[in-house]
Amino acid sequence: MTRVLKICLAAMALSAASPAFAQPGSSTGIEGRWKTEAGSAAEIAPCSEGYCITLKSGKFNGRMIGRMKAEKARFVGTITDPTDDKTYAGSAEVDGDKLKLQGCVFKLFCRSQTWTRLP
């Protein structure tokens, strides 16, 4: 369950404060490549649902694990743990080169993790 929540948190990384609305390529926006706590690379890019999170390395390379939409000054959405295909609610916030993620089950059981921006 810990791995599932970590993955959810990663996807929730899309819920960010106003800096998340910066132009693509900006070091303050949500878009880009991120190193997960597990050491894999993930990419957050625009998609038809807002922003999609796709793993770019590791065992689940190429798998989309999250979808986020802007909601007020944040991004919120869902994230899926690729190990068991369970989907969770989550959010994210960009703080410089860090992406703080939170994933929750029933808004009661939450876990957080921080991803680091890759060059």
Protein backbone atom coordinates (compact mmCIF):
# COMPACT_ATOMS: atom_id res chain seq x y z
CA MET A 1 0.00 0.00 0.00
CA THR A 2 2.92 2.35 0.64
CA ARG A 3 4.10 2.05 -2.97
CA VAL A 4 0.58 2.65 -4.24
CA LEU A 5 0.25 5.81 -2.19
CA LYS A 6 3.68 7.01 -3.32
CA ILE A 7 2.63 6.64 -6.92
CA CYS A 8 -0.61 8.43 -6.17
CA LEU A 9 1.29 11.21 -4.56
CA ALA A 10 3.37 11.52 -7.64
CA ALA A 11 0.34 11.95 -9.77
CA MET A 12 -1.07 14.39 -7.35
CA ALA A 13 2.02 16.41 -7.83
CA LEU A 14 0.09 18.18 -10.43
CA SER A 15 -1.91 20.19 -7.95
CA ALA A 16 0.26 23.22 -7.57
CA ALA A 17 0.11 26.82 -6.54
CA SER A 18 0.07 29.66 -9.08
CA PRO A 19 3.68 29.02 -10.23
CA ALA A 20 2.31 25.87 -11.84
CA PHE A 21 0.70 28.05 -14.48
CA ALA A 22 4.10 29.23 -15.75
CA GLN A 23 5.14 28.67 -19.35
CA PRO A 24 6.42 25.22 -20.37
CA GLY A 25 10.14 24.94 -19.85
CA SER A 26 10.02 27.33 -16.92
CA SER A 27 11.70 26.04 -13.79
CA THR A 28 8.63 27.07 -11.78
CA GLY A 29 5.89 25.23 -13.73
CA ILE A 30 4.40 21.79 -13.22
CA GLU A 31 5.36 20.61 -16.70
CA GLY A 32 8.60 18.73 -17.16
CA ARG A 33 10.54 15.69 -16.02
CA TRP A 34 10.66 14.73 -12.35
CA LYS A 35 12.62 12.16 -10.35
CA THR A 36 10.31 10.15 -8.11
CA GLU A 37 11.29 9.08 -4.60
CA ALA A 38 11.66 5.55 -5.99
CA GLY A 39 14.27 6.86 -8.45
CA SER A 40 12.21 6.59 -11.66
CA ALA A 41 11.70 9.48 -14.06
CA ALA A 42 8.18 10.81 -14.63
CA GLU A 43 7.01 13.39 -17.14
CA ILE A 44 4.15 15.82 -16.61
CA ALA A 45 2.79 17.21 -19.87
CA PRO A 46 -0.40 18.81 -21.20
CA CYS A 47 -3.07 16.39 -22.40
CA SER A 48 -6.78 16.50 -23.22
CA GLU A 49 -7.68 16.16 -19.52
CA GLY A 50 -5.35 18.95 -18.37
CA TYR A 51 -2.00 17.40 -17.44
CA CYS A 52 -0.96 13.77 -17.61
CA ILE A 53 1.78 12.04 -15.63
CA THR A 54 3.67 9.31 -17.46
CA LEU A 55 6.52 7.18 -16.12
CA LYS A 56 9.60 7.45 -18.35
CA SER A 57 11.89 4.86 -16.76
CA GLY A 58 11.79 1.79 -14.56
CA LYS A 59 9.57 -1.27 -14.60
CA PHE A 60 6.48 0.69 -15.68
CA ASN A 61 8.18 2.84 -18.34
CA GLY A 62 5.62 4.40 -20.68
CA ARG A 63 2.65 3.93 -18.36
CA MET A 64 0.42 6.92 -17.64
CA ILE A 65 -0.19 7.05 -13.89
CA GLY A 66 -2.08 10.29 -13.38
CA ARG A 67 -4.37 13.01 -14.73
CA MET A 68 -4.69 16.47 -13.23
CA LYS A 69 -6.70 19.61 -13.84
CA ALA A 70 -6.23 23.14 -12.59
CA GLU A 71 -8.67 23.91 -9.81
CA LYS A 72 -8.42 27.42 -8.43
CA ALA A 73 -4.71 27.85 -7.70
CA ARG A 74 -3.98 24.09 -7.53
CA PHE A 75 -3.99 20.94 -9.58
CA VAL A 76 -6.12 18.02 -8.47
CA GLY A 77 -7.00 14.72 -10.02
CA THR A 78 -6.35 11.02 -9.86
CA ILE A 79 -3.31 8.81 -9.79
CA THR A 80 -3.00 5.10 -10.39
CA ASP A 81 -0.55 2.76 -8.72
CA PRO A 82 0.83 0.73 -11.63
CA THR A 83 1.58 -2.27 -9.41
CA ASP A 84 -2.08 -2.98 -8.64
CA ASP A 85 -4.05 -0.60 -10.91
CA LYS A 86 -5.76 1.09 -7.94
CA THR A 87 -6.64 4.75 -8.44
CA TYR A 88 -6.51 7.45 -5.74
CA ALA A 89 -7.44 11.12 -5.31
CA GLY A 90 -4.53 13.51 -4.97
CA SER A 91 -2.97 16.93 -5.27
CA ALA A 92 0.43 18.52 -5.84
CA GLU A 93 2.34 21.74 -5.29
CA VAL A 94 5.45 23.05 -7.01
CA ASP A 95 8.05 24.65 -4.75
CA GLY A 96 11.01 25.66 -6.92
CA ASP A 97 12.60 22.43 -8.14
CA LYS A 98 10.53 20.26 -5.79
CA LEU A 99 7.12 18.77 -6.42
CA LYS A 100 5.22 17.97 -3.24
CA LEU A 101 2.60 15.29 -3.79
CA GLN A 102 -0.19 13.91 -1.65
CA GLY A 103 -2.43 10.95 -2.36
CA CYS A 104 -5.43 9.94 -0.29
CA VAL A 105 -7.90 7.12 0.14
CA PHE A 106 -11.31 8.47 1.21
CA LYS A 107 -9.56 11.73 2.22
CA LEU A 108 -8.68 10.00 5.49
CA PHE A 109 -5.57 7.98 4.78
CA CYS A 110 -3.00 10.18 3.07
CA ARG A 111 0.67 9.85 2.19
CA SER A 112 3.08 12.43 0.84
CA GLN A 113 6.28 12.42 -1.15
CA THR A 114 8.51 14.93 -2.84
CA TRP A 115 9.86 14.68 -6.38
CA THR A 116 12.86 16.60 -7.71
CA ARG A 117 12.94 18.34 -11.10
CA LEU A 118 15.27 16.70 -13.62
CA PRO A 119 17.38 18.82 -16.00
